[in-house]
Amino acid sequence: MGSSEPSLEELLEDKKRKRNPLVPLGALITAGVLTAGLISFRQGNSHLGQKLMRARVVVQGATVALMVGTAYYYGENPWLSK
């Protein structure tokens, strides 16, 4: 590790880097449901595959909503004067 890399403590204490831990979890769930749906289609179970694709859309939408909500909550409002 070089001296230019921030330490773990610096990353955890950095106030500008607010992250929602549910967003990566949502991305993993989305990828898992997508993979299961594609496997179902490949095995010929189109009914289950279609249900999984619909579930993927719901999970993906929730993940995007979490991302937008986190950005809105922790972000600065550019329309407010300082």
PDB file of N, CA and C in Angstrom:
ATOM      1  N   MET A   1       0.841  -1.179   0.000  1.00  0.00           N
ATOM      2  CA  MET A   1       0.000   0.000   0.000  1.00  0.00           C
ATOM      3  C   MET A   1       0.879   1.233   0.000  1.00  0.00           C
ATOM      4  N   GLY A   2       0.601   2.161  -0.901  1.00  0.00           N
ATOM      5  CA  GLY A   2       1.348   3.401  -0.956  1.00  0.00           C
ATOM      6  C   GLY A   2       0.784   4.416   0.015  1.00  0.00           C
ATOM      7  N   SER A   3       1.525   5.462   0.218  1.00  0.00           N
ATOM      8  CA  SER A   3       1.085   6.483   1.164  1.00  0.00           C
ATOM      9  C   SER A   3      -0.054   7.331   0.602  1.00  0.00           C
ATOM     10  N   SER A   4      -0.283   7.279  -0.704  1.00  0.00           N
ATOM     11  CA  SER A   4      -1.352   8.083  -1.294  1.00  0.00           C
ATOM     12  C   SER A   4      -2.730   7.443  -1.119  1.00  0.00           C
ATOM     13  N   GLU A   5      -2.772   6.157  -0.779  1.00  0.00           N
ATOM     14  CA  GLU A   5      -4.053   5.485  -0.586  1.00  0.00           C
ATOM     15  C   GLU A   5      -4.620   5.824   0.789  1.00  0.00           C
ATOM     16  N   PRO A   6      -5.935   6.128   0.845  1.00  0.00           N
ATOM     17  CA  PRO A   6      -6.525   6.427   2.158  1.00  0.00           C
ATOM     18  C   PRO A   6      -6.657   5.153   2.991  1.00  0.00           C
ATOM     19  N   SER A   7      -6.541   5.321   4.286  1.00  0.00           N
ATOM     20  CA  SER A   7      -6.690   4.177   5.177  1.00  0.00           C
ATOM     21  C   SER A   7      -8.174   3.832   5.326  1.00  0.00           C
ATOM     22  N   LEU A   8      -8.432   2.674   5.894  1.00  0.00           N
ATOM     23  CA  LEU A   8      -9.807   2.239   6.104  1.00  0.00           C
ATOM     24  C   LEU A   8     -10.536   3.205   7.023  1.00  0.00           C
ATOM     25  N   GLU A   9      -9.858   3.690   8.036  1.00  0.00           N
ATOM     26  CA  GLU A   9     -10.469   4.633   8.967  1.00  0.00           C
ATOM     27  C   GLU A   9     -10.866   5.927   8.259  1.00  0.00           C
ATOM     28  N   GLU A  10     -10.001   6.401   7.359  1.00  0.00           N
ATOM     29  CA  GLU A  10     -10.311   7.631   6.618  1.00  0.00           C
ATOM     30  C   GLU A  10     -11.532   7.431   5.727  1.00  0.00           C
ATOM     31  N   LEU A  11     -11.637   6.270   5.120  1.00  0.00           N
ATOM     32  CA  LEU A  11     -12.793   6.007   4.263  1.00  0.00           C
ATOM     33  C   LEU A  11     -14.073   5.924   5.068  1.00  0.00           C
ATOM     34  N   LEU A  12     -13.995   5.313   6.254  1.00  0.00           N
ATOM     35  CA  LEU A  12     -15.192   5.169   7.073  1.00  0.00           C
ATOM     36  C   LEU A  12     -15.618   6.488   7.694  1.00  0.00           C
ATOM     37  N   GLU A  13     -14.664   7.386   7.956  1.00  0.00           N
ATOM     38  CA  GLU A  13     -14.980   8.648   8.605  1.00  0.00           C
ATOM     39  C   GLU A  13     -15.275   9.777   7.622  1.00  0.00           C
ATOM     40  N   ASP A  14     -15.078   9.537   6.344  1.00  0.00           N
ATOM     41  CA  ASP A  14     -15.278  10.583   5.346  1.00  0.00           C
ATOM     42  C   ASP A  14     -16.758  10.926   5.251  1.00  0.00           C
ATOM     43  N   LYS A  15     -17.103  12.159   5.574  1.00  0.00           N
ATOM     44  CA  LYS A  15     -18.515  12.586   5.606  1.00  0.00           C
ATOM     45  C   LYS A  15     -19.111  12.709   4.210  1.00  0.00           C
ATOM     46  N   LYS A  16     -18.292  12.902   3.201  1.00  0.00           N
ATOM     47  CA  LYS A  16     -18.808  13.085   1.847  1.00  0.00           C
ATOM     48  C   LYS A  16     -19.186  11.766   1.187  1.00  0.00           C
ATOM     49  N   ARG A  17     -18.760  10.671   1.746  1.00  0.00           N
ATOM     50  CA  ARG A  17     -19.010   9.370   1.134  1.00  0.00           C
ATOM     51  C   ARG A  17     -20.065   8.620   1.918  1.00  0.00           C
ATOM     52  N   LYS A  18     -21.295   9.011   1.757  1.00  0.00           N
ATOM     53  CA  LYS A  18     -22.400   8.321   2.402  1.00  0.00           C
ATOM     54  C   LYS A  18     -22.905   7.252   1.449  1.00  0.00           C
ATOM     55  N   ARG A  19     -23.007   6.044   1.955  1.00  0.00           N
ATOM     56  CA  ARG A  19     -23.478   4.948   1.120  1.00  0.00           C
ATOM     57  C   ARG A  19     -24.562   4.183   1.864  1.00  0.00           C
ATOM     58  N   ASN A  20     -25.511   3.706   1.100  1.00  0.00           N
ATOM     59  CA  ASN A  20     -26.570   2.888   1.663  1.00  0.00           C
ATOM     60  C   ASN A  20     -26.139   1.428   1.505  1.00  0.00           C
ATOM     61  N   PRO A  21     -25.980   0.694   2.605  1.00  0.00           N
ATOM     62  CA  PRO A  21     -25.516  -0.695   2.480  1.00  0.00           C
ATOM     63  C   PRO A  21     -26.538  -1.605   1.800  1.00  0.00           C
ATOM     64  N   LEU A  22     -27.774  -1.143   1.647  1.00  0.00           N
ATOM     65  CA  LEU A  22     -28.788  -1.971   0.991  1.00  0.00           C
ATOM     66  C   LEU A  22     -28.661  -1.947  -0.531  1.00  0.00           C
ATOM     67  N   VAL A  23     -27.980  -0.956  -1.079  1.00  0.00           N
ATOM     68  CA  VAL A  23     -27.861  -0.860  -2.541  1.00  0.00           C
ATOM     69  C   VAL A  23     -27.040  -2.019  -3.109  1.00  0.00           C
ATOM     70  N   PRO A  24     -25.849  -2.324  -2.577  1.00  0.00           N
ATOM     71  CA  PRO A  24     -25.136  -3.504  -3.114  1.00  0.00           C
ATOM     72  C   PRO A  24     -25.908  -4.806  -2.904  1.00  0.00           C
ATOM     73  N   LEU A  25     -26.610  -4.904  -1.783  1.00  0.00           N
ATOM     74  CA  LEU A  25     -27.429  -6.088  -1.539  1.00  0.00           C
ATOM     75  C   LEU A  25     -28.534  -6.201  -2.595  1.00  0.00           C
ATOM     76  N   GLY A  26     -29.165  -5.083  -2.919  1.00  0.00           N
ATOM     77  CA  GLY A  26     -30.191  -5.081  -3.955  1.00  0.00           C
ATOM     78  C   GLY A  26     -29.633  -5.463  -5.317  1.00  0.00           C
ATOM     79  N   ALA A  27     -28.415  -5.003  -5.599  1.00  0.00           N
ATOM     80  CA  ALA A  27     -27.779  -5.354  -6.873  1.00  0.00           C
ATOM     81  C   ALA A  27     -27.492  -6.854  -6.941  1.00  0.00           C
ATOM     82  N   LEU A  28     -27.032  -7.420  -5.829  1.00  0.00           N
ATOM     83  CA  LEU A  28     -26.772  -8.864  -5.804  1.00  0.00           C
ATOM     84  C   LEU A  28     -28.062  -9.673  -5.942  1.00  0.00           C
ATOM     85  N   ILE A  29     -29.113  -9.231  -5.282  1.00  0.00           N
ATOM     86  CA  ILE A  29     -30.397  -9.935  -5.393  1.00  0.00           C
ATOM     87  C   ILE A  29     -30.923  -9.835  -6.819  1.00  0.00           C
ATOM     88  N   THR A  30     -30.783  -8.653  -7.428  1.00  0.00           N
ATOM     89  CA  THR A  30     -31.211  -8.476  -8.817  1.00  0.00           C
ATOM     90  C   THR A  30     -30.465  -9.430  -9.740  1.00  0.00           C
ATOM     91  N   ALA A  31     -29.151  -9.511  -9.570  1.00  0.00           N
ATOM     92  CA  ALA A  31     -28.348 -10.410 -10.405  1.00  0.00           C
ATOM     93  C   ALA A  31     -28.727 -11.866 -10.166  1.00  0.00           C
ATOM     94  N   GLY A  32     -29.013 -12.229  -8.925  1.00  0.00           N
ATOM     95  CA  GLY A  32     -29.406 -13.605  -8.621  1.00  0.00           C
ATOM     96  C   GLY A  32     -30.736 -13.979  -9.239  1.00  0.00           C
ATOM     97  N   VAL A  33     -31.709 -13.078  -9.135  1.00  0.00           N
ATOM     98  CA  VAL A  33     -33.030 -13.356  -9.717  1.00  0.00           C
ATOM     99  C   VAL A  33     -32.934 -13.405 -11.246  1.00  0.00           C
ATOM    100  N   LEU A  34     -32.130 -12.518 -11.830  1.00  0.00           N
ATOM    101  CA  LEU A  34     -31.932 -12.541 -13.279  1.00  0.00           C
ATOM    102  C   LEU A  34     -31.310 -13.858 -13.723  1.00  0.00           C
ATOM    103  N   THR A  35     -30.286 -14.305 -13.001  1.00  0.00           N
ATOM    104  CA  THR A  35     -29.634 -15.569 -13.344  1.00  0.00           C
ATOM    105  C   THR A  35     -30.601 -16.740 -13.227  1.00  0.00           C
ATOM    106  N   ALA A  36     -31.373 -16.764 -12.146  1.00  0.00           N
ATOM    107  CA  ALA A  36     -32.349 -17.852 -11.968  1.00  0.00           C
ATOM    108  C   ALA A  36     -33.393 -17.831 -13.085  1.00  0.00           C
ATOM    109  N   GLY A  37     -33.825 -16.640 -13.482  1.00  0.00           N
ATOM    110  CA  GLY A  37     -34.797 -16.543 -14.570  1.00  0.00           C
ATOM    111  C   GLY A  37     -34.245 -17.026 -15.893  1.00  0.00           C
ATOM    112  N   LEU A  38     -33.006 -16.662 -16.177  1.00  0.00           N
ATOM    113  CA  LEU A  38     -32.388 -17.116 -17.429  1.00  0.00           C
ATOM    114  C   LEU A  38     -32.190 -18.630 -17.432  1.00  0.00           C
ATOM    115  N   ILE A  39     -31.821 -19.188 -16.293  1.00  0.00           N
ATOM    116  CA  ILE A  39     -31.671 -20.649 -16.195  1.00  0.00           C
ATOM    117  C   ILE A  39     -33.023 -21.328 -16.401  1.00  0.00           C
ATOM    118  N   SER A  40     -34.073 -20.747 -15.825  1.00  0.00           N
ATOM    119  CA  SER A  40     -35.413 -21.331 -16.001  1.00  0.00           C
ATOM    120  C   SER A  40     -35.836 -21.320 -17.461  1.00  0.00           C
ATOM    121  N   PHE A  41     -35.575 -20.219 -18.148  1.00  0.00           N
ATOM    122  CA  PHE A  41     -35.910 -20.160 -19.573  1.00  0.00           C
ATOM    123  C   PHE A  41     -35.118 -21.201 -20.355  1.00  0.00           C
ATOM    124  N   ARG A  42     -33.848 -21.339 -20.019  1.00  0.00           N
ATOM    125  CA  ARG A  42     -32.995 -22.288 -20.747  1.00  0.00           C
ATOM    126  C   ARG A  42     -33.454 -23.736 -20.528  1.00  0.00           C
ATOM    127  N   GLN A  43     -33.976 -24.012 -19.338  1.00  0.00           N
ATOM    128  CA  GLN A  43     -34.449 -25.364 -19.039  1.00  0.00           C
ATOM    129  C   GLN A  43     -35.853 -25.613 -19.571  1.00  0.00           C
ATOM    130  N   GLY A  44     -36.476 -24.604 -20.150  1.00  0.00           N
ATOM    131  CA  GLY A  44     -37.789 -24.784 -20.759  1.00  0.00           C
ATOM    132  C   GLY A  44     -38.954 -24.449 -19.850  1.00  0.00           C
ATOM    133  N   ASN A  45     -38.696 -23.947 -18.673  1.00  0.00           N
ATOM    134  CA  ASN A  45     -39.772 -23.582 -17.748  1.00  0.00           C
ATOM    135  C   ASN A  45     -40.070 -22.092 -17.914  1.00  0.00           C
ATOM    136  N   SER A  46     -40.797 -21.780 -18.977  1.00  0.00           N
ATOM    137  CA  SER A  46     -41.038 -20.378 -19.304  1.00  0.00           C
ATOM    138  C   SER A  46     -41.966 -19.690 -18.307  1.00  0.00           C
ATOM    139  N   HIS A  47     -42.867 -20.436 -17.689  1.00  0.00           N
ATOM    140  CA  HIS A  47     -43.784 -19.837 -16.711  1.00  0.00           C
ATOM    141  C   HIS A  47     -43.003 -19.315 -15.489  1.00  0.00           C
ATOM    142  N   LEU A  48     -42.125 -20.153 -14.941  1.00  0.00           N
ATOM    143  CA  LEU A  48     -41.300 -19.733 -13.808  1.00  0.00           C
ATOM    144  C   LEU A  48     -40.324 -18.631 -14.231  1.00  0.00           C
ATOM    145  N   GLY A  49     -39.759 -18.762 -15.425  1.00  0.00           N
ATOM    146  CA  GLY A  49     -38.833 -17.744 -15.920  1.00  0.00           C
ATOM    147  C   GLY A  49     -39.502 -16.386 -16.037  1.00  0.00           C
ATOM    148  N   GLN A  50     -40.748 -16.374 -16.508  1.00  0.00           N
ATOM    149  CA  GLN A  50     -41.481 -15.116 -16.641  1.00  0.00           C
ATOM    150  C   GLN A  50     -41.746 -14.494 -15.275  1.00  0.00           C
ATOM    151  N   LYS A  51     -42.101 -15.314 -14.289  1.00  0.00           N
ATOM    152  CA  LYS A  51     -42.325 -14.808 -12.931  1.00  0.00           C
ATOM    153  C   LYS A  51     -41.036 -14.230 -12.339  1.00  0.00           C
ATOM    154  N   LEU A  52     -39.933 -14.915 -12.595  1.00  0.00           N
ATOM    155  CA  LEU A  52     -38.648 -14.427 -12.084  1.00  0.00           C
ATOM    156  C   LEU A  52     -38.231 -13.124 -12.766  1.00  0.00           C
ATOM    157  N   MET A  53     -38.527 -12.987 -14.045  1.00  0.00           N
ATOM    158  CA  MET A  53     -38.199 -11.741 -14.739  1.00  0.00           C
ATOM    159  C   MET A  53     -39.036 -10.582 -14.193  1.00  0.00           C
ATOM    160  N   ARG A  54     -40.287 -10.855 -13.862  1.00  0.00           N
ATOM    161  CA  ARG A  54     -41.128  -9.818 -13.253  1.00  0.00           C
ATOM    162  C   ARG A  54     -40.605  -9.453 -11.865  1.00  0.00           C
ATOM    163  N   ALA A  55     -40.174 -10.464 -11.116  1.00  0.00           N
ATOM    164  CA  ALA A  55     -39.596 -10.206  -9.787  1.00  0.00           C
ATOM    165  C   ALA A  55     -38.313  -9.400  -9.919  1.00  0.00           C
ATOM    166  N   ARG A  56     -37.526  -9.669 -10.954  1.00  0.00           N
ATOM    167  CA  ARG A  56     -36.295  -8.923 -11.180  1.00  0.00           C
ATOM    168  C   ARG A  56     -36.582  -7.453 -11.407  1.00  0.00           C
ATOM    169  N   VAL A  57     -37.634  -7.153 -12.160  1.00  0.00           N
ATOM    170  CA  VAL A  57     -37.995  -5.760 -12.416  1.00  0.00           C
ATOM    171  C   VAL A  57     -38.358  -5.057 -11.112  1.00  0.00           C
ATOM    172  N   VAL A  58     -39.084  -5.750 -10.243  1.00  0.00           N
ATOM    173  CA  VAL A  58     -39.478  -5.160  -8.960  1.00  0.00           C
ATOM    174  C   VAL A  58     -38.249  -4.911  -8.087  1.00  0.00           C
ATOM    175  N   VAL A  59     -37.375  -5.915  -7.989  1.00  0.00           N
ATOM    176  CA  VAL A  59     -36.172  -5.775  -7.157  1.00  0.00           C
ATOM    177  C   VAL A  59     -35.258  -4.697  -7.727  1.00  0.00           C
ATOM    178  N   GLN A  60     -35.115  -4.655  -9.038  1.00  0.00           N
ATOM    179  CA  GLN A  60     -34.273  -3.650  -9.666  1.00  0.00           C
ATOM    180  C   GLN A  60     -34.846  -2.252  -9.439  1.00  0.00           C
ATOM    181  N   GLY A  61     -36.158  -2.110  -9.528  1.00  0.00           N
ATOM    182  CA  GLY A  61     -36.783  -0.819  -9.263  1.00  0.00           C
ATOM    183  C   GLY A  61     -36.580  -0.370  -7.832  1.00  0.00           C
ATOM    184  N   ALA A  62     -36.680  -1.311  -6.885  1.00  0.00           N
ATOM    185  CA  ALA A  62     -36.444  -0.970  -5.478  1.00  0.00           C
ATOM    186  C   ALA A  62     -35.000  -0.543  -5.254  1.00  0.00           C
ATOM    187  N   THR A  63     -34.067  -1.190  -5.929  1.00  0.00           N
ATOM    188  CA  THR A  63     -32.657  -0.828  -5.794  1.00  0.00           C
ATOM    189  C   THR A  63     -32.404   0.571  -6.352  1.00  0.00           C
ATOM    190  N   VAL A  64     -32.978   0.874  -7.484  1.00  0.00           N
ATOM    191  CA  VAL A  64     -32.819   2.214  -8.055  1.00  0.00           C
ATOM    192  C   VAL A  64     -33.466   3.258  -7.148  1.00  0.00           C
ATOM    193  N   ALA A  65     -34.617   2.933  -6.581  1.00  0.00           N
ATOM    194  CA  ALA A  65     -35.268   3.856  -5.648  1.00  0.00           C
ATOM    195  C   ALA A  65     -34.392   4.103  -4.419  1.00  0.00           C
ATOM    196  N   LEU A  66     -33.730   3.063  -3.921  1.00  0.00           N
ATOM    197  CA  LEU A  66     -32.797   3.232  -2.808  1.00  0.00           C
ATOM    198  C   LEU A  66     -31.635   4.150  -3.187  1.00  0.00           C
ATOM    199  N   MET A  67     -31.124   3.973  -4.396  1.00  0.00           N
ATOM    200  CA  MET A  67     -30.013   4.817  -4.858  1.00  0.00           C
ATOM    201  C   MET A  67     -30.441   6.273  -4.946  1.00  0.00           C
ATOM    202  N   VAL A  68     -31.597   6.511  -5.529  1.00  0.00           N
ATOM    203  CA  VAL A  68     -32.093   7.883  -5.675  1.00  0.00           C
ATOM    204  C   VAL A  68     -32.403   8.481  -4.303  1.00  0.00           C
ATOM    205  N   GLY A  69     -33.028   7.693  -3.442  1.00  0.00           N
ATOM    206  CA  GLY A  69     -33.345   8.178  -2.103  1.00  0.00           C
ATOM    207  C   GLY A  69     -32.107   8.510  -1.291  1.00  0.00           C
ATOM    208  N   THR A  70     -31.082   7.678  -1.396  1.00  0.00           N
ATOM    209  CA  THR A  70     -29.833   7.942  -0.685  1.00  0.00           C
ATOM    210  C   THR A  70     -29.163   9.198  -1.228  1.00  0.00           C
ATOM    211  N   ALA A  71     -29.143   9.344  -2.542  1.00  0.00           N
ATOM    212  CA  ALA A  71     -28.536  10.543  -3.134  1.00  0.00           C
ATOM    213  C   ALA A  71     -29.295  11.799  -2.731  1.00  0.00           C
ATOM    214  N   TYR A  72     -30.605  11.706  -2.676  1.00  0.00           N
ATOM    215  CA  TYR A  72     -31.421  12.854  -2.284  1.00  0.00           C
ATOM    216  C   TYR A  72     -31.211  13.189  -0.809  1.00  0.00           C
ATOM    217  N   TYR A  73     -31.166  12.172   0.028  1.00  0.00           N
ATOM    218  CA  TYR A  73     -31.051  12.385   1.472  1.00  0.00           C
ATOM    219  C   TYR A  73     -29.687  12.976   1.846  1.00  0.00           C
ATOM    220  N   TYR A  74     -28.614  12.443   1.264  1.00  0.00           N
ATOM    221  CA  TYR A  74     -27.271  12.885   1.620  1.00  0.00           C
ATOM    222  C   TYR A  74     -26.722  13.967   0.705  1.00  0.00           C
ATOM    223  N   GLY A  75     -27.374  14.220  -0.399  1.00  0.00           N
ATOM    224  CA  GLY A  75     -26.855  15.181  -1.365  1.00  0.00           C
ATOM    225  C   GLY A  75     -27.152  16.614  -0.986  1.00  0.00           C
ATOM    226  N   GLU A  76     -26.473  17.499  -1.676  1.00  0.00           N
ATOM    227  CA  GLU A  76     -26.713  18.925  -1.503  1.00  0.00           C
ATOM    228  C   GLU A  76     -27.725  19.386  -2.536  1.00  0.00           C
ATOM    229  N   ASN A  77     -28.564  20.328  -2.171  1.00  0.00           N
ATOM    230  CA  ASN A  77     -29.561  20.854  -3.084  1.00  0.00           C
ATOM    231  C   ASN A  77     -28.930  21.985  -3.900  1.00  0.00           C
ATOM    232  N   PRO A  78     -28.764  21.822  -5.212  1.00  0.00           N
ATOM    233  CA  PRO A  78     -28.113  22.869  -6.008  1.00  0.00           C
ATOM    234  C   PRO A  78     -28.975  24.104  -6.205  1.00  0.00           C
ATOM    235  N   TRP A  79     -30.274  24.019  -5.905  1.00  0.00           N
ATOM    236  CA  TRP A  79     -31.172  25.156  -6.111  1.00  0.00           C
ATOM    237  C   TRP A  79     -31.220  26.092  -4.919  1.00  0.00           C
ATOM    238  N   LEU A  80     -30.713  25.647  -3.786  1.00  0.00           N
ATOM    239  CA  LEU A  80     -30.693  26.520  -2.613  1.00  0.00           C
ATOM    240  C   LEU A  80     -29.445  27.395  -2.634  1.00  0.00           C
ATOM    241  N   SER A  81     -29.609  28.663  -2.346  1.00  0.00           N
ATOM    242  CA  SER A  81     -28.448  29.546  -2.312  1.00  0.00           C
ATOM    243  C   SER A  81     -27.718  29.347  -0.994  1.00  0.00           C
ATOM    244  N   LYS A  82     -26.398  29.504  -1.045  1.00  0.00           N
ATOM    245  CA  LYS A  82     -25.585  29.290   0.149  1.00  0.00           C
ATOM    246  C   LYS A  82     -25.336  30.580   0.888  1.00  0.00           C
TER     247      LYS A  82
END
